[in-house]
């Protein structure tokens, strides 16, 4: 991980812990965190429970919960389903949630449910993907900037291979998924500004690995000038990886999110670069911000950019 990002995270975390201690002493709140917080009902509600990405984010929440001596509930659809996520949010509120840490599957469709929760006094903290409805704070990647970095890496890899023209395909999740759409926009901006490569119409796989694989294969089969593919999240990147692995054409793969499977594709050379987010940090600091909000402390900036790093075959 980039040293500047590590230092930034450590500074934020240390400052938060010292802030909590100062408040406990200043206002004579010297009881253990577990006693002070035992009545809080905190829910982590992610897009699904099938992605390794959310396991990592949950690990961050768990570690901060252990540090502060509190408990929380992780609930999410097994597979991505906006309607089911809305039902889970409603159930959490009915069960007396004091705070919800939410990664919104659809920023628009979940917003009315979140608005209802806020009206009942529930604190909303967004991790990874905010909804349109305002929350206390959002901890996420600056996705447009991350898309720019992905585009720059695509051009760098094409140039290093002596490729100066051709077409590039993009596989996204859905047109409504603002996080991946912003990544696509940043990526497109870089490629279009460069002007040497043709961007094909984006295909949307809806978080389905095997649909993403078939879409990537279609890009390869029906575009003889194809020189690059960009996947905007874990599932699309995995699908592209399978397609590149089964083919015999040299295509530059640029992806997003890191799993063991994707690391294997990097090691084999199918992906030249993958943008790696910081889900652990989102969860770790996200719970810290949640407790700060519940205790009435100043939570600082409404947006915390948790950053990205670029993983290549040589950057372990």
C-alpha atoms as a PDB file:
ATOM      1  CA  UNK A   1       0.000   0.000   0.000  1.00  0.00           C
ATOM      2  CA  UNK A   2       1.178   3.539  -0.738  1.00  0.00           C
ATOM      3  CA  UNK A   3       3.078   4.914   2.280  1.00  0.00           C
ATOM      4  CA  UNK A   4       1.193   8.214   2.184  1.00  0.00           C
ATOM      5  CA  UNK A   5      -2.128   6.358   2.407  1.00  0.00           C
ATOM      6  CA  UNK A   6      -0.861   4.266   5.331  1.00  0.00           C
ATOM      7  CA  UNK A   7       0.321   7.366   7.178  1.00  0.00           C
ATOM      8  CA  UNK A   8      -2.990   9.119   6.475  1.00  0.00           C
ATOM      9  CA  UNK A   9      -4.970   6.167   7.837  1.00  0.00           C
ATOM     10  CA  UNK A  10      -2.800   5.881  10.955  1.00  0.00           C
ATOM     11  CA  UNK A  11      -3.120   9.587  11.664  1.00  0.00           C
ATOM     12  CA  UNK A  12      -6.911   9.473  11.341  1.00  0.00           C
ATOM     13  CA  UNK A  13      -7.206   6.345  13.489  1.00  0.00           C
ATOM     14  CA  UNK A  14      -4.851   7.602  16.191  1.00  0.00           C
ATOM     15  CA  UNK A  15      -6.564  10.988  16.261  1.00  0.00           C
ATOM     16  CA  UNK A  16      -9.959   9.345  16.619  1.00  0.00           C
ATOM     17  CA  UNK A  17      -8.891   7.106  19.491  1.00  0.00           C
ATOM     18  CA  UNK A  18      -7.225  10.000  21.305  1.00  0.00           C
ATOM     19  CA  UNK A  19     -10.364  12.069  20.688  1.00  0.00           C
ATOM     20  CA  UNK A  20     -12.537   9.379  22.286  1.00  0.00           C
ATOM     21  CA  UNK A  21     -10.192   9.120  25.299  1.00  0.00           C
ATOM     22  CA  UNK A  22     -10.133  12.920  25.703  1.00  0.00           C
ATOM     23  CA  UNK A  23     -13.923  13.088  25.725  1.00  0.00           C
ATOM     24  CA  UNK A  24     -14.197  10.254  28.227  1.00  0.00           C
ATOM     25  CA  UNK A  25     -11.795  12.025  30.602  1.00  0.00           C
ATOM     26  CA  UNK A  26     -12.978  15.594  29.931  1.00  0.00           C
ATOM     27  CA  UNK A  27     -16.595  14.805  30.669  1.00  0.00           C
ATOM     28  CA  UNK A  28     -15.872  12.203  33.356  1.00  0.00           C
ATOM     29  CA  UNK A  29     -16.965   9.363  31.092  1.00  0.00           C
ATOM     30  CA  UNK A  30     -14.429   6.889  32.388  1.00  0.00           C
ATOM     31  CA  UNK A  31     -16.560   3.783  32.019  1.00  0.00           C
ATOM     32  CA  UNK A  32     -15.248   1.115  29.611  1.00  0.00           C
ATOM     33  CA  UNK A  33     -16.330   1.484  25.967  1.00  0.00           C
ATOM     34  CA  UNK A  34     -18.235  -1.802  26.186  1.00  0.00           C
ATOM     35  CA  UNK A  35     -20.402  -0.444  29.027  1.00  0.00           C
ATOM     36  CA  UNK A  36     -20.912   2.937  27.396  1.00  0.00           C
ATOM     37  CA  UNK A  37     -21.917   1.398  24.073  1.00  0.00           C
ATOM     38  CA  UNK A  38     -23.640  -1.854  25.043  1.00  0.00           C
ATOM     39  CA  UNK A  39     -27.120  -0.527  24.264  1.00  0.00           C
ATOM     40  CA  UNK A  40     -26.265   0.580  20.718  1.00  0.00           C
ATOM     41  CA  UNK A  41     -27.731  -1.527  17.934  1.00  0.00           C
ATOM     42  CA  UNK A  42     -25.425  -1.105  14.954  1.00  0.00           C
ATOM     43  CA  UNK A  43     -25.949  -2.802  11.605  1.00  0.00           C
ATOM     44  CA  UNK A  44     -23.528  -3.218   8.733  1.00  0.00           C
ATOM     45  CA  UNK A  45     -25.585  -3.675   5.551  1.00  0.00           C
ATOM     46  CA  UNK A  46     -23.532  -4.409   2.435  1.00  0.00           C
ATOM     47  CA  UNK A  47     -24.635  -5.092  -1.134  1.00  0.00           C
ATOM     48  CA  UNK A  48     -24.192  -8.838  -0.725  1.00  0.00           C
ATOM     49  CA  UNK A  49     -22.300 -11.466   1.253  1.00  0.00           C
ATOM     50  CA  UNK A  50     -20.870 -13.367  -1.701  1.00  0.00           C
ATOM     51  CA  UNK A  51     -17.992 -11.037  -2.618  1.00  0.00           C
ATOM     52  CA  UNK A  52     -14.624 -11.297  -0.917  1.00  0.00           C
ATOM     53  CA  UNK A  53     -14.581  -7.501  -0.939  1.00  0.00           C
ATOM     54  CA  UNK A  54     -17.339  -7.344   1.683  1.00  0.00           C
ATOM     55  CA  UNK A  55     -15.592  -9.974   3.815  1.00  0.00           C
ATOM     56  CA  UNK A  56     -12.578  -7.674   3.971  1.00  0.00           C
ATOM     57  CA  UNK A  57     -14.722  -4.656   4.825  1.00  0.00           C
ATOM     58  CA  UNK A  58     -16.455  -6.651   7.554  1.00  0.00           C
ATOM     59  CA  UNK A  59     -13.050  -7.657   8.950  1.00  0.00           C
ATOM     60  CA  UNK A  60     -12.248  -3.970   9.354  1.00  0.00           C
ATOM     61  CA  UNK A  61     -15.499  -3.416  11.246  1.00  0.00           C
ATOM     62  CA  UNK A  62     -14.811  -6.450  13.435  1.00  0.00           C
ATOM     63  CA  UNK A  63     -11.346  -5.261  14.382  1.00  0.00           C
ATOM     64  CA  UNK A  64     -12.576  -1.795  15.372  1.00  0.00           C
ATOM     65  CA  UNK A  65     -15.505  -3.364  17.268  1.00  0.00           C
ATOM     66  CA  UNK A  66     -13.029  -5.489  19.239  1.00  0.00           C
ATOM     67  CA  UNK A  67     -10.895  -2.424  19.907  1.00  0.00           C
ATOM     68  CA  UNK A  68     -13.862  -0.458  21.261  1.00  0.00           C
ATOM     69  CA  UNK A  69     -15.489  -3.422  22.998  1.00  0.00           C
ATOM     70  CA  UNK A  70     -18.803  -3.279  21.138  1.00  0.00           C
ATOM     71  CA  UNK A  71     -20.937  -5.587  19.005  1.00  0.00           C
ATOM     72  CA  UNK A  72     -22.716  -5.140  15.689  1.00  0.00           C
ATOM     73  CA  UNK A  73     -24.759  -7.148  13.180  1.00  0.00           C
ATOM     74  CA  UNK A  74     -23.707  -7.781   9.586  1.00  0.00           C
ATOM     75  CA  UNK A  75     -26.707  -8.367   7.333  1.00  0.00           C
ATOM     76  CA  UNK A  76     -26.959  -8.384   3.546  1.00  0.00           C
ATOM     77  CA  UNK A  77     -28.486 -10.336   0.660  1.00  0.00           C
ATOM     78  CA  UNK A  78     -26.466 -13.421  -0.203  1.00  0.00           C
ATOM     79  CA  UNK A  79     -26.355 -12.163  -3.792  1.00  0.00           C
ATOM     80  CA  UNK A  80     -26.873  -8.578  -4.894  1.00  0.00           C
ATOM     81  CA  UNK A  81     -30.570  -7.689  -4.788  1.00  0.00           C
ATOM     82  CA  UNK A  82     -31.714  -4.099  -4.258  1.00  0.00           C
ATOM     83  CA  UNK A  83     -35.208  -5.049  -3.090  1.00  0.00           C
ATOM     84  CA  UNK A  84     -33.815  -7.461  -0.531  1.00  0.00           C
ATOM     85  CA  UNK A  85     -31.355  -4.849   0.712  1.00  0.00           C
ATOM     86  CA  UNK A  86     -34.246  -2.405   1.186  1.00  0.00           C
ATOM     87  CA  UNK A  87     -36.112  -5.050   3.202  1.00  0.00           C
ATOM     88  CA  UNK A  88     -33.029  -5.644   5.352  1.00  0.00           C
ATOM     89  CA  UNK A  89     -32.721  -1.912   6.070  1.00  0.00           C
ATOM     90  CA  UNK A  90     -36.405  -1.742   7.061  1.00  0.00           C
ATOM     91  CA  UNK A  91     -36.044  -4.788   9.326  1.00  0.00           C
ATOM     92  CA  UNK A  92     -32.978  -3.315  11.003  1.00  0.00           C
ATOM     93  CA  UNK A  93     -34.910  -0.126  11.774  1.00  0.00           C
ATOM     94  CA  UNK A  94     -37.869  -2.129  13.093  1.00  0.00           C
ATOM     95  CA  UNK A  95     -35.442  -4.026  15.314  1.00  0.00           C
ATOM     96  CA  UNK A  96     -34.323  -0.799  16.946  1.00  0.00           C
ATOM     97  CA  UNK A  97     -31.175   0.102  15.004  1.00  0.00           C
ATOM     98  CA  UNK A  98     -29.378   3.177  16.319  1.00  0.00           C
ATOM     99  CA  UNK A  99     -27.003   3.329  13.379  1.00  0.00           C
ATOM    100  CA  UNK A 100     -26.675   1.768   9.951  1.00  0.00           C
ATOM    101  CA  UNK A 101     -23.424   1.364   8.063  1.00  0.00           C
ATOM    102  CA  UNK A 102     -24.647   0.968   4.498  1.00  0.00           C
ATOM    103  CA  UNK A 103     -23.123   0.202   1.104  1.00  0.00           C
ATOM    104  CA  UNK A 104     -26.046   1.184  -1.116  1.00  0.00           C
ATOM    105  CA  UNK A 105     -26.801  -1.198  -3.979  1.00  0.00           C
ATOM    106  CA  UNK A 106     -28.777   1.473  -5.801  1.00  0.00           C
ATOM    107  CA  UNK A 107     -28.246   5.088  -4.663  1.00  0.00           C
ATOM    108  CA  UNK A 108     -31.716   6.186  -5.763  1.00  0.00           C
ATOM    109  CA  UNK A 109     -33.939   3.239  -4.926  1.00  0.00           C
ATOM    110  CA  UNK A 110     -32.700   2.834  -1.340  1.00  0.00           C
ATOM    111  CA  UNK A 111     -32.859   6.551  -0.541  1.00  0.00           C
ATOM    112  CA  UNK A 112     -36.497   6.778   0.553  1.00  0.00           C
ATOM    113  CA  UNK A 113     -35.984   3.894   2.983  1.00  0.00           C
ATOM    114  CA  UNK A 114     -32.883   5.580   4.377  1.00  0.00           C
ATOM    115  CA  UNK A 115     -34.778   8.869   4.662  1.00  0.00           C
ATOM    116  CA  UNK A 116     -37.437   7.070   6.732  1.00  0.00           C
ATOM    117  CA  UNK A 117     -34.735   5.632   8.987  1.00  0.00           C
ATOM    118  CA  UNK A 118     -33.173   9.064   9.509  1.00  0.00           C
ATOM    119  CA  UNK A 119     -36.577  10.473  10.456  1.00  0.00           C
ATOM    120  CA  UNK A 120     -36.573   7.997  13.355  1.00  0.00           C
ATOM    121  CA  UNK A 121     -33.181   9.206  14.536  1.00  0.00           C
ATOM    122  CA  UNK A 122     -31.048   6.452  12.997  1.00  0.00           C
ATOM    123  CA  UNK A 123     -27.495   7.544  12.174  1.00  0.00           C
ATOM    124  CA  UNK A 124     -26.467   6.717   8.595  1.00  0.00           C
ATOM    125  CA  UNK A 125     -22.821   6.081   7.742  1.00  0.00           C
ATOM    126  CA  UNK A 126     -21.982   5.081   4.189  1.00  0.00           C
ATOM    127  CA  UNK A 127     -19.154   2.677   3.422  1.00  0.00           C
ATOM    128  CA  UNK A 128     -18.015   2.181  -0.185  1.00  0.00           C
ATOM    129  CA  UNK A 129     -21.241   3.355  -1.865  1.00  0.00           C
ATOM    130  CA  UNK A 130     -23.485   6.188  -0.661  1.00  0.00           C
ATOM    131  CA  UNK A 131     -27.127   6.705  -1.519  1.00  0.00           C
ATOM    132  CA  UNK A 132     -28.546  10.004  -2.747  1.00  0.00           C
ATOM    133  CA  UNK A 133     -30.012  10.613   0.712  1.00  0.00           C
ATOM    134  CA  UNK A 134     -27.396  12.387   2.817  1.00  0.00           C
ATOM    135  CA  UNK A 135     -25.641  10.499   5.584  1.00  0.00           C
ATOM    136  CA  UNK A 136     -23.406  11.583   8.460  1.00  0.00           C
ATOM    137  CA  UNK A 137     -20.252  10.628   6.587  1.00  0.00           C
ATOM    138  CA  UNK A 138     -19.169   8.558   3.594  1.00  0.00           C
ATOM    139  CA  UNK A 139     -15.988   6.476   3.597  1.00  0.00           C
ATOM    140  CA  UNK A 140     -15.234   5.434   0.050  1.00  0.00           C
ATOM    141  CA  UNK A 141     -12.958   5.564  -2.936  1.00  0.00           C
ATOM    142  CA  UNK A 142     -12.905   8.698  -5.073  1.00  0.00           C
ATOM    143  CA  UNK A 143     -14.179   6.590  -7.934  1.00  0.00           C
ATOM    144  CA  UNK A 144     -13.808   9.127 -10.730  1.00  0.00           C
ATOM    145  CA  UNK A 145     -10.151   9.678  -9.832  1.00  0.00           C
ATOM    146  CA  UNK A 146      -9.664   5.918  -9.547  1.00  0.00           C
ATOM    147  CA  UNK A 147     -11.109   5.550 -13.049  1.00  0.00           C
ATOM    148  CA  UNK A 148      -8.603   8.121 -14.294  1.00  0.00           C
ATOM    149  CA  UNK A 149      -5.804   6.062 -12.754  1.00  0.00           C
ATOM    150  CA  UNK A 150      -7.179   2.948 -14.471  1.00  0.00           C
ATOM    151  CA  UNK A 151      -7.236   4.761 -17.823  1.00  0.00           C
ATOM    152  CA  UNK A 152      -3.691   5.999 -17.361  1.00  0.00           C
ATOM    153  CA  UNK A 153      -2.542   2.461 -16.618  1.00  0.00           C
ATOM    154  CA  UNK A 154      -4.319   1.186 -19.724  1.00  0.00           C
ATOM    155  CA  UNK A 155      -2.463   3.705 -21.910  1.00  0.00           C
ATOM    156  CA  UNK A 156       0.822   2.949 -20.167  1.00  0.00           C
ATOM    157  CA  UNK A 157       0.482  -0.784 -20.761  1.00  0.00           C
ATOM    158  CA  UNK A 158      -0.603  -0.362 -24.382  1.00  0.00           C
ATOM    159  CA  UNK A 159       2.344   1.929 -25.057  1.00  0.00           C
ATOM    160  CA  UNK A 160       4.774  -0.471 -23.397  1.00  0.00           C
ATOM    161  CA  UNK A 161       3.512  -3.163 -25.792  1.00  0.00           C
ATOM    162  CA  UNK A 162       3.937  -0.878 -28.796  1.00  0.00           C
ATOM    163  CA  UNK A 163       0.173  -0.677 -29.401  1.00  0.00           C
ATOM    164  CA  UNK A 164      -0.891   2.714 -30.782  1.00  0.00           C
ATOM    165  CA  UNK A 165      -4.428   2.055 -32.065  1.00  0.00           C
ATOM    166  CA  UNK A 166      -7.383  -0.296 -31.663  1.00  0.00           C
ATOM    167  CA  UNK A 167     -10.564  -0.605 -29.634  1.00  0.00           C
ATOM    168  CA  UNK A 168     -11.176  -0.936 -25.901  1.00  0.00           C
ATOM    169  CA  UNK A 169     -14.167  -2.555 -24.195  1.00  0.00           C
ATOM    170  CA  UNK A 170     -15.620  -1.783 -20.776  1.00  0.00           C
ATOM    171  CA  UNK A 171     -17.816  -4.041 -18.647  1.00  0.00           C
ATOM    172  CA  UNK A 172     -19.791  -2.338 -15.882  1.00  0.00           C
ATOM    173  CA  UNK A 173     -22.369  -3.401 -13.313  1.00  0.00           C
ATOM    174  CA  UNK A 174     -25.513  -1.392 -14.068  1.00  0.00           C
ATOM    175  CA  UNK A 175     -26.062   2.139 -15.400  1.00  0.00           C
ATOM    176  CA  UNK A 176     -27.545   3.011 -11.977  1.00  0.00           C
ATOM    177  CA  UNK A 177     -24.494   1.927  -9.970  1.00  0.00           C
ATOM    178  CA  UNK A 178     -22.870   5.323  -9.381  1.00  0.00           C
ATOM    179  CA  UNK A 179     -19.606   3.941  -8.010  1.00  0.00           C
ATOM    180  CA  UNK A 180     -18.770   1.904 -11.108  1.00  0.00           C
ATOM    181  CA  UNK A 181     -20.258   4.495 -13.468  1.00  0.00           C
ATOM    182  CA  UNK A 182     -17.910   7.098 -11.984  1.00  0.00           C
ATOM    183  CA  UNK A 183     -14.978   4.753 -12.519  1.00  0.00           C
ATOM    184  CA  UNK A 184     -16.053   4.285 -16.109  1.00  0.00           C
ATOM    185  CA  UNK A 185     -16.375   8.058 -16.592  1.00  0.00           C
ATOM    186  CA  UNK A 186     -12.851   8.683 -15.324  1.00  0.00           C
ATOM    187  CA  UNK A 187     -11.504   5.883 -17.508  1.00  0.00           C
ATOM    188  CA  UNK A 188     -13.338   7.156 -20.583  1.00  0.00           C
ATOM    189  CA  UNK A 189     -12.094  10.684 -19.989  1.00  0.00           C
ATOM    190  CA  UNK A 190      -8.473   9.551 -20.151  1.00  0.00           C
ATOM    191  CA  UNK A 191      -8.905   7.347 -23.236  1.00  0.00           C
ATOM    192  CA  UNK A 192     -10.985   9.916 -25.124  1.00  0.00           C
ATOM    193  CA  UNK A 193      -8.538  12.708 -24.326  1.00  0.00           C
ATOM    194  CA  UNK A 194      -5.673  10.580 -25.632  1.00  0.00           C
ATOM    195  CA  UNK A 195      -7.627  10.080 -28.856  1.00  0.00           C
ATOM    196  CA  UNK A 196      -5.795   7.088 -30.323  1.00  0.00           C
ATOM    197  CA  UNK A 197      -8.188   4.331 -29.261  1.00  0.00           C
ATOM    198  CA  UNK A 198     -11.862   3.663 -29.950  1.00  0.00           C
ATOM    199  CA  UNK A 199     -14.049   3.059 -26.904  1.00  0.00           C
ATOM    200  CA  UNK A 200     -16.789   0.499 -27.495  1.00  0.00           C
ATOM    201  CA  UNK A 201     -20.237   0.703 -25.923  1.00  0.00           C
ATOM    202  CA  UNK A 202     -20.173  -0.371 -22.302  1.00  0.00           C
ATOM    203  CA  UNK A 203     -21.783  -3.705 -21.471  1.00  0.00           C
ATOM    204  CA  UNK A 204     -23.453  -4.206 -18.087  1.00  0.00           C
ATOM    205  CA  UNK A 205     -23.225  -7.558 -16.314  1.00  0.00           C
ATOM    206  CA  UNK A 206     -25.202  -6.707 -13.182  1.00  0.00           C
ATOM    207  CA  UNK A 207     -22.637  -8.244 -10.847  1.00  0.00           C
ATOM    208  CA  UNK A 208     -22.791 -11.655 -12.577  1.00  0.00           C
ATOM    209  CA  UNK A 209     -19.312 -13.116 -13.129  1.00  0.00           C
ATOM    210  CA  UNK A 210     -20.368 -15.516 -15.847  1.00  0.00           C
ATOM    211  CA  UNK A 211     -22.362 -12.898 -17.721  1.00  0.00           C
ATOM    212  CA  UNK A 212     -19.307 -10.640 -17.553  1.00  0.00           C
ATOM    213  CA  UNK A 213     -17.229 -13.521 -18.933  1.00  0.00           C
ATOM    214  CA  UNK A 214     -19.576 -14.014 -21.886  1.00  0.00           C
ATOM    215  CA  UNK A 215     -19.633 -10.269 -22.566  1.00  0.00           C
ATOM    216  CA  UNK A 216     -15.840 -10.161 -22.518  1.00  0.00           C
ATOM    217  CA  UNK A 217     -15.736 -13.117 -24.876  1.00  0.00           C
ATOM    218  CA  UNK A 218     -18.158 -11.313 -27.216  1.00  0.00           C
ATOM    219  CA  UNK A 219     -15.907  -8.255 -27.196  1.00  0.00           C
ATOM    220  CA  UNK A 220     -13.005 -10.492 -28.192  1.00  0.00           C
ATOM    221  CA  UNK A 221     -14.917 -12.474 -30.835  1.00  0.00           C
ATOM    222  CA  UNK A 222     -16.616  -9.586 -32.623  1.00  0.00           C
ATOM    223  CA  UNK A 223     -13.986  -6.861 -32.428  1.00  0.00           C
ATOM    224  CA  UNK A 224     -10.833  -7.901 -34.286  1.00  0.00           C
ATOM    225  CA  UNK A 225      -9.179  -4.580 -33.378  1.00  0.00           C
ATOM    226  CA  UNK A 226      -9.740  -5.112 -29.640  1.00  0.00           C
ATOM    227  CA  UNK A 227      -6.601  -4.301 -27.648  1.00  0.00           C
ATOM    228  CA  UNK A 228      -7.925  -3.706 -24.125  1.00  0.00           C
ATOM    229  CA  UNK A 229     -10.647  -4.596 -21.620  1.00  0.00           C
ATOM    230  CA  UNK A 230     -11.548  -2.768 -18.416  1.00  0.00           C
ATOM    231  CA  UNK A 231     -13.606  -4.294 -15.596  1.00  0.00           C
ATOM    232  CA  UNK A 232     -15.121  -1.811 -13.161  1.00  0.00           C
ATOM    233  CA  UNK A 233     -15.529  -4.063 -10.098  1.00  0.00           C
ATOM    234  CA  UNK A 234     -14.693  -7.476  -8.626  1.00  0.00           C
ATOM    235  CA  UNK A 235     -17.238  -9.509 -10.591  1.00  0.00           C
ATOM    236  CA  UNK A 236     -16.605  -7.883 -13.978  1.00  0.00           C
ATOM    237  CA  UNK A 237     -12.860  -8.133 -13.489  1.00  0.00           C
ATOM    238  CA  UNK A 238     -13.166 -11.818 -12.602  1.00  0.00           C
ATOM    239  CA  UNK A 239     -15.339 -12.487 -15.652  1.00  0.00           C
ATOM    240  CA  UNK A 240     -12.868 -10.722 -17.935  1.00  0.00           C
ATOM    241  CA  UNK A 241     -10.053 -12.738 -16.387  1.00  0.00           C
ATOM    242  CA  UNK A 242     -11.765 -16.024 -17.221  1.00  0.00           C
ATOM    243  CA  UNK A 243     -12.350 -14.866 -20.815  1.00  0.00           C
ATOM    244  CA  UNK A 244      -8.724 -13.800 -21.266  1.00  0.00           C
ATOM    245  CA  UNK A 245      -7.506 -17.051 -19.719  1.00  0.00           C
ATOM    246  CA  UNK A 246      -9.525 -19.142 -22.181  1.00  0.00           C
ATOM    247  CA  UNK A 247      -8.439 -17.158 -25.236  1.00  0.00           C
ATOM    248  CA  UNK A 248      -5.239 -16.919 -27.225  1.00  0.00           C
ATOM    249  CA  UNK A 249      -5.208 -13.222 -28.067  1.00  0.00           C
ATOM    250  CA  UNK A 250      -2.957 -10.664 -26.410  1.00  0.00           C
ATOM    251  CA  UNK A 251      -5.291  -8.118 -24.822  1.00  0.00           C
ATOM    252  CA  UNK A 252      -4.422  -5.680 -22.053  1.00  0.00           C
ATOM    253  CA  UNK A 253      -6.659  -6.271 -19.039  1.00  0.00           C
ATOM    254  CA  UNK A 254      -7.167  -3.540 -16.447  1.00  0.00           C
ATOM    255  CA  UNK A 255      -9.388  -4.350 -13.480  1.00  0.00           C
ATOM    256  CA  UNK A 256     -10.838  -3.203 -10.202  1.00  0.00           C
ATOM    257  CA  UNK A 257     -10.764  -4.881  -6.771  1.00  0.00           C
ATOM    258  CA  UNK A 258      -8.499  -7.664  -5.612  1.00  0.00           C
ATOM    259  CA  UNK A 259      -9.389 -11.244  -4.699  1.00  0.00           C
ATOM    260  CA  UNK A 260      -7.323 -14.421  -4.655  1.00  0.00           C
ATOM    261  CA  UNK A 261      -8.721 -15.307  -8.094  1.00  0.00           C
ATOM    262  CA  UNK A 262      -7.897 -11.891  -9.533  1.00  0.00           C
ATOM    263  CA  UNK A 263      -4.408 -12.062  -8.039  1.00  0.00           C
ATOM    264  CA  UNK A 264      -3.976 -15.336  -9.915  1.00  0.00           C
ATOM    265  CA  UNK A 265      -4.942 -13.602 -13.169  1.00  0.00           C
ATOM    266  CA  UNK A 266      -2.386 -10.873 -12.433  1.00  0.00           C
ATOM    267  CA  UNK A 267       0.333 -13.438 -11.770  1.00  0.00           C
ATOM    268  CA  UNK A 268      -0.445 -15.139 -15.088  1.00  0.00           C
ATOM    269  CA  UNK A 269      -0.301 -11.826 -16.947  1.00  0.00           C
ATOM    270  CA  UNK A 270      -3.954 -11.572 -17.962  1.00  0.00           C
ATOM    271  CA  UNK A 271      -4.306  -8.343 -15.999  1.00  0.00           C
ATOM    272  CA  UNK A 272      -1.553  -5.794 -16.291  1.00  0.00           C
ATOM    273  CA  UNK A 273      -2.906  -3.606 -13.490  1.00  0.00           C
ATOM    274  CA  UNK A 274      -5.768  -3.759 -10.993  1.00  0.00           C
ATOM    275  CA  UNK A 275      -7.066  -0.846  -8.942  1.00  0.00           C
ATOM    276  CA  UNK A 276      -7.197  -1.973  -5.318  1.00  0.00           C
ATOM    277  CA  UNK A 277      -9.544  -0.191  -2.948  1.00  0.00           C
ATOM    278  CA  UNK A 278      -9.314  -0.160   0.859  1.00  0.00           C
ATOM    279  CA  UNK A 279     -12.456  -1.957   2.102  1.00  0.00           C
ATOM    280  CA  UNK A 280     -10.723  -2.826   5.382  1.00  0.00           C
ATOM    281  CA  UNK A 281     -10.130   0.867   6.057  1.00  0.00           C
ATOM    282  CA  UNK A 282     -13.712   1.711   5.097  1.00  0.00           C
ATOM    283  CA  UNK A 283     -14.983  -0.753   7.694  1.00  0.00           C
ATOM    284  CA  UNK A 284     -12.415   0.025  10.371  1.00  0.00           C
ATOM    285  CA  UNK A 285     -12.784   3.801  10.281  1.00  0.00           C
ATOM    286  CA  UNK A 286     -16.466   3.505   9.376  1.00  0.00           C
ATOM    287  CA  UNK A 287     -17.311   1.943  12.716  1.00  0.00           C
ATOM    288  CA  UNK A 288     -15.153   4.517  14.494  1.00  0.00           C
ATOM    289  CA  UNK A 289     -17.129   7.283  12.787  1.00  0.00           C
ATOM    290  CA  UNK A 290     -20.378   5.506  13.686  1.00  0.00           C
ATOM    291  CA  UNK A 291     -19.530   5.479  17.385  1.00  0.00           C
ATOM    292  CA  UNK A 292     -18.428   9.105  17.206  1.00  0.00           C
ATOM    293  CA  UNK A 293     -21.787  10.033  15.640  1.00  0.00           C
ATOM    294  CA  UNK A 294     -23.744   8.064  18.253  1.00  0.00           C
ATOM    295  CA  UNK A 295     -21.829   9.767  21.064  1.00  0.00           C
ATOM    296  CA  UNK A 296     -22.489  13.188  19.573  1.00  0.00           C
ATOM    297  CA  UNK A 297     -18.898  13.944  18.621  1.00  0.00           C
ATOM    298  CA  UNK A 298     -17.787  15.904  15.569  1.00  0.00           C
ATOM    299  CA  UNK A 299     -17.265  13.376  12.757  1.00  0.00           C
ATOM    300  CA  UNK A 300     -15.260  15.763  10.599  1.00  0.00           C
ATOM    301  CA  UNK A 301     -15.382  15.819   6.806  1.00  0.00           C
ATOM    302  CA  UNK A 302     -18.560  14.375   5.225  1.00  0.00           C
ATOM    303  CA  UNK A 303     -16.391  12.422   2.770  1.00  0.00           C
ATOM    304  CA  UNK A 304     -13.269  10.412   3.597  1.00  0.00           C
ATOM    305  CA  UNK A 305     -11.360   9.201   0.569  1.00  0.00           C
ATOM    306  CA  UNK A 306      -9.899   5.833   1.571  1.00  0.00           C
ATOM    307  CA  UNK A 307      -7.703   5.740  -1.532  1.00  0.00           C
ATOM    308  CA  UNK A 308      -6.510   3.108  -3.980  1.00  0.00           C
ATOM    309  CA  UNK A 309      -3.285   1.383  -4.841  1.00  0.00           C
ATOM    310  CA  UNK A 310      -2.320  -0.165  -8.174  1.00  0.00           C
ATOM    311  CA  UNK A 311      -1.492  -3.875  -8.095  1.00  0.00           C
ATOM    312  CA  UNK A 312       0.671  -5.309 -10.867  1.00  0.00           C
ATOM    313  CA  UNK A 313       2.574  -8.531 -11.250  1.00  0.00           C
ATOM    314  CA  UNK A 314       5.604  -6.831  -9.770  1.00  0.00           C
ATOM    315  CA  UNK A 315       4.042  -4.841  -6.922  1.00  0.00           C
ATOM    316  CA  UNK A 316       3.344  -7.476  -4.267  1.00  0.00           C
END
